Amino acid sequence: MRLLAITANPAEETHMATVYWSTAKRYLGEEAGCDPRHPAAVAAERAGRALADHLAVPFHFASPDTPDDAAPRWQP
């Protein structure tokens, strides 16, 4: 699952990180089995939301239940 930054001006899409299943399981630890969603989706949402909060920018997760790198992009 890829985390992307999408900017309005200039209109670009920048790859920020890739969240792999095995890395997500380690990151989530014992919490990995507590959420019915795919571990990579849970980890990507947490990391993306934390980064967006830190930068004070909007966060949008187009595919929160299942990893989908082809999900439609949100445009500001």
N, C-alpha and C. Protein backbone atom coordinates (compact mmCIF):
# COMPACT_ATOMS: atom_id res chain seq x y z
N MET A 1 0.85 -1.15 0.00
CA MET A 1 0.00 0.00 0.00
C MET A 1 0.91 1.23 0.00
N ARG A 2 0.60 2.17 -0.89
CA ARG A 2 1.43 3.36 -1.01
C ARG A 2 0.75 4.57 -0.38
N LEU A 3 1.54 5.38 0.33
CA LEU A 3 1.07 6.65 0.84
C LEU A 3 1.54 7.72 -0.14
N LEU A 4 0.61 8.54 -0.60
CA LEU A 4 0.92 9.57 -1.58
C LEU A 4 0.60 10.95 -1.03
N ALA A 5 1.36 11.92 -1.44
CA ALA A 5 1.04 13.33 -1.18
C ALA A 5 0.56 13.90 -2.50
N ILE A 6 -0.61 14.51 -2.49
CA ILE A 6 -1.18 15.11 -3.69
C ILE A 6 -1.27 16.61 -3.45
N THR A 7 -0.64 17.37 -4.31
CA THR A 7 -0.63 18.82 -4.16
C THR A 7 -1.44 19.49 -5.26
N ALA A 8 -1.96 20.69 -4.93
CA ALA A 8 -2.77 21.42 -5.89
C ALA A 8 -1.93 22.31 -6.79
N ASN A 9 -0.90 22.93 -6.22
CA ASN A 9 -0.10 23.87 -7.00
C ASN A 9 1.37 23.73 -6.62
N PRO A 10 2.14 23.05 -7.40
CA PRO A 10 1.80 22.44 -8.68
C PRO A 10 1.00 21.15 -8.48
N ALA A 11 0.19 20.80 -9.44
CA ALA A 11 -0.61 19.58 -9.39
C ALA A 11 0.31 18.38 -9.59
N GLU A 12 0.61 17.73 -8.47
CA GLU A 12 1.53 16.59 -8.50
C GLU A 12 1.08 15.51 -7.54
N GLU A 13 1.61 14.33 -7.76
CA GLU A 13 1.41 13.19 -6.88
C GLU A 13 2.80 12.69 -6.52
N THR A 14 3.11 12.68 -5.22
CA THR A 14 4.43 12.27 -4.76
C THR A 14 4.33 11.06 -3.85
N HIS A 15 5.10 10.04 -4.14
CA HIS A 15 5.14 8.84 -3.32
C HIS A 15 5.88 9.14 -2.03
N MET A 16 5.21 8.94 -0.88
CA MET A 16 5.80 9.24 0.43
C MET A 16 6.36 7.98 1.09
N ALA A 17 5.64 6.86 0.98
CA ALA A 17 6.07 5.63 1.65
C ALA A 17 5.29 4.45 1.09
N THR A 18 5.84 3.27 1.28
CA THR A 18 5.14 2.03 0.96
C THR A 18 4.99 1.24 2.25
N VAL A 19 3.77 0.79 2.53
CA VAL A 19 3.50 0.01 3.74
C VAL A 19 3.29 -1.44 3.31
N TYR A 20 4.19 -2.30 3.75
CA TYR A 20 4.11 -3.73 3.43
C TYR A 20 3.40 -4.47 4.56
N TRP A 21 2.78 -5.61 4.22
CA TRP A 21 2.05 -6.41 5.19
C TRP A 21 2.94 -6.75 6.38
N SER A 22 4.14 -7.25 6.14
CA SER A 22 5.01 -7.69 7.23
C SER A 22 5.43 -6.51 8.12
N THR A 23 5.71 -5.37 7.51
CA THR A 23 6.08 -4.18 8.29
C THR A 23 4.89 -3.70 9.10
N ALA A 24 3.70 -3.73 8.51
CA ALA A 24 2.50 -3.30 9.21
C ALA A 24 2.24 -4.18 10.42
N LYS A 25 2.42 -5.48 10.28
CA LYS A 25 2.22 -6.41 11.41
C LYS A 25 3.18 -6.08 12.54
N ARG A 26 4.44 -5.78 12.23
CA ARG A 26 5.41 -5.43 13.28
C ARG A 26 5.04 -4.09 13.92
N TYR A 27 4.65 -3.12 13.10
CA TYR A 27 4.29 -1.79 13.59
C TYR A 27 3.09 -1.87 14.53
N LEU A 28 2.09 -2.65 14.17
CA LEU A 28 0.87 -2.75 14.97
C LEU A 28 1.04 -3.65 16.18
N GLY A 29 1.99 -4.57 16.12
CA GLY A 29 2.22 -5.48 17.25
C GLY A 29 0.99 -6.30 17.57
N GLU A 30 0.65 -6.35 18.85
CA GLU A 30 -0.50 -7.15 19.29
C GLU A 30 -1.82 -6.59 18.79
N GLU A 31 -1.85 -5.33 18.40
CA GLU A 31 -3.07 -4.72 17.88
C GLU A 31 -3.42 -5.21 16.47
N ALA A 32 -2.50 -5.88 15.81
CA ALA A 32 -2.69 -6.29 14.41
C ALA A 32 -3.95 -7.13 14.22
N GLY A 33 -4.31 -7.94 15.19
CA GLY A 33 -5.49 -8.80 15.05
C GLY A 33 -6.76 -8.18 15.60
N CYS A 34 -6.68 -6.96 16.13
CA CYS A 34 -7.83 -6.32 16.76
C CYS A 34 -8.73 -5.59 15.77
N ASP A 35 -8.26 -5.35 14.59
CA ASP A 35 -9.02 -4.61 13.58
C ASP A 35 -9.30 -5.56 12.42
N PRO A 36 -10.54 -5.64 11.92
CA PRO A 36 -10.85 -6.59 10.86
C PRO A 36 -10.23 -6.21 9.50
N ARG A 37 -9.74 -4.97 9.38
CA ARG A 37 -9.16 -4.53 8.12
C ARG A 37 -7.76 -5.13 7.93
N HIS A 38 -7.29 -5.07 6.70
CA HIS A 38 -5.95 -5.54 6.36
C HIS A 38 -4.93 -4.75 7.19
N PRO A 39 -3.92 -5.41 7.78
CA PRO A 39 -2.93 -4.70 8.60
C PRO A 39 -2.24 -3.53 7.88
N ALA A 40 -1.98 -3.68 6.58
CA ALA A 40 -1.33 -2.59 5.84
C ALA A 40 -2.26 -1.39 5.76
N ALA A 41 -3.57 -1.61 5.65
CA ALA A 41 -4.52 -0.51 5.59
C ALA A 41 -4.57 0.23 6.93
N VAL A 42 -4.56 -0.51 8.03
CA VAL A 42 -4.59 0.10 9.36
C VAL A 42 -3.33 0.92 9.59
N ALA A 43 -2.17 0.33 9.29
CA ALA A 43 -0.90 1.03 9.50
C ALA A 43 -0.78 2.25 8.59
N ALA A 44 -1.20 2.13 7.34
CA ALA A 44 -1.12 3.26 6.41
C ALA A 44 -2.02 4.40 6.87
N GLU A 45 -3.21 4.06 7.35
CA GLU A 45 -4.12 5.11 7.83
C GLU A 45 -3.53 5.82 9.04
N ARG A 46 -2.99 5.08 9.98
CA ARG A 46 -2.40 5.70 11.18
C ARG A 46 -1.22 6.60 10.81
N ALA A 47 -0.34 6.09 9.99
CA ALA A 47 0.84 6.88 9.61
C ALA A 47 0.45 8.10 8.78
N GLY A 48 -0.45 7.91 7.83
CA GLY A 48 -0.88 9.02 6.99
C GLY A 48 -1.61 10.09 7.77
N ARG A 49 -2.48 9.68 8.68
CA ARG A 49 -3.22 10.64 9.49
C ARG A 49 -2.27 11.39 10.43
N ALA A 50 -1.31 10.69 11.02
CA ALA A 50 -0.34 11.35 11.91
C ALA A 50 0.49 12.38 11.14
N LEU A 51 0.93 12.02 9.94
CA LEU A 51 1.72 12.95 9.14
C LEU A 51 0.88 14.16 8.72
N ALA A 52 -0.35 13.91 8.30
CA ALA A 52 -1.23 15.01 7.90
C ALA A 52 -1.52 15.93 9.08
N ASP A 53 -1.74 15.37 10.26
CA ASP A 53 -1.96 16.19 11.44
C ASP A 53 -0.73 17.04 11.75
N HIS A 54 0.44 16.42 11.65
CA HIS A 54 1.69 17.12 11.92
C HIS A 54 1.90 18.29 10.95
N LEU A 55 1.54 18.08 9.70
CA LEU A 55 1.72 19.11 8.67
C LEU A 55 0.51 20.05 8.54
N ALA A 56 -0.55 19.76 9.29
CA ALA A 56 -1.79 20.53 9.25
C ALA A 56 -2.37 20.60 7.84
N VAL A 57 -2.46 19.43 7.21
CA VAL A 57 -3.05 19.31 5.88
C VAL A 57 -4.16 18.26 5.93
N PRO A 58 -5.09 18.27 4.96
CA PRO A 58 -6.16 17.27 4.95
C PRO A 58 -5.60 15.87 4.68
N PHE A 59 -6.32 14.89 5.19
CA PHE A 59 -5.96 13.49 4.95
C PHE A 59 -7.16 12.79 4.35
N HIS A 60 -6.95 12.02 3.30
CA HIS A 60 -8.01 11.25 2.66
C HIS A 60 -7.48 9.85 2.38
N PHE A 61 -8.24 8.85 2.79
CA PHE A 61 -7.85 7.46 2.55
C PHE A 61 -8.92 6.84 1.66
N ALA A 62 -8.60 6.70 0.40
CA ALA A 62 -9.58 6.23 -0.59
C ALA A 62 -9.95 4.76 -0.43
N SER A 63 -9.10 3.98 0.21
CA SER A 63 -9.35 2.54 0.31
C SER A 63 -9.04 2.06 1.73
N PRO A 64 -9.84 2.45 2.73
CA PRO A 64 -9.51 2.12 4.11
C PRO A 64 -9.72 0.66 4.51
N ASP A 65 -10.49 -0.09 3.74
CA ASP A 65 -10.77 -1.47 4.12
C ASP A 65 -9.87 -2.49 3.45
N THR A 66 -9.43 -2.21 2.24
CA THR A 66 -8.62 -3.16 1.47
C THR A 66 -7.54 -2.38 0.72
N PRO A 67 -6.29 -2.86 0.76
CA PRO A 67 -5.25 -2.18 -0.01
C PRO A 67 -5.64 -2.09 -1.49
N ASP A 68 -5.55 -0.90 -2.05
CA ASP A 68 -5.90 -0.68 -3.45
C ASP A 68 -5.12 0.51 -3.98
N ASP A 69 -3.98 0.25 -4.57
CA ASP A 69 -3.15 1.33 -5.10
C ASP A 69 -3.78 2.03 -6.29
N ALA A 70 -4.83 1.44 -6.86
CA ALA A 70 -5.48 2.05 -8.02
C ALA A 70 -6.75 2.82 -7.63
N ALA A 71 -6.98 3.01 -6.33
CA ALA A 71 -8.18 3.74 -5.88
C ALA A 71 -8.15 5.16 -6.42
N PRO A 72 -9.32 5.74 -6.64
CA PRO A 72 -9.37 7.12 -7.17
C PRO A 72 -8.65 8.09 -6.23
N ARG A 73 -7.96 9.05 -6.80
CA ARG A 73 -7.23 10.04 -6.01
C ARG A 73 -8.15 11.19 -5.64
N TRP A 74 -7.98 11.70 -4.45
CA TRP A 74 -8.70 12.89 -4.00
C TRP A 74 -7.96 14.10 -4.52
N GLN A 75 -8.67 15.03 -5.06
CA GLN A 75 -8.05 16.23 -5.60
C GLN A 75 -8.46 17.43 -4.76
N PRO A 76 -7.50 18.22 -4.28
CA PRO A 76 -7.84 19.42 -3.48
C PRO A 76 -8.56 20.45 -4.32
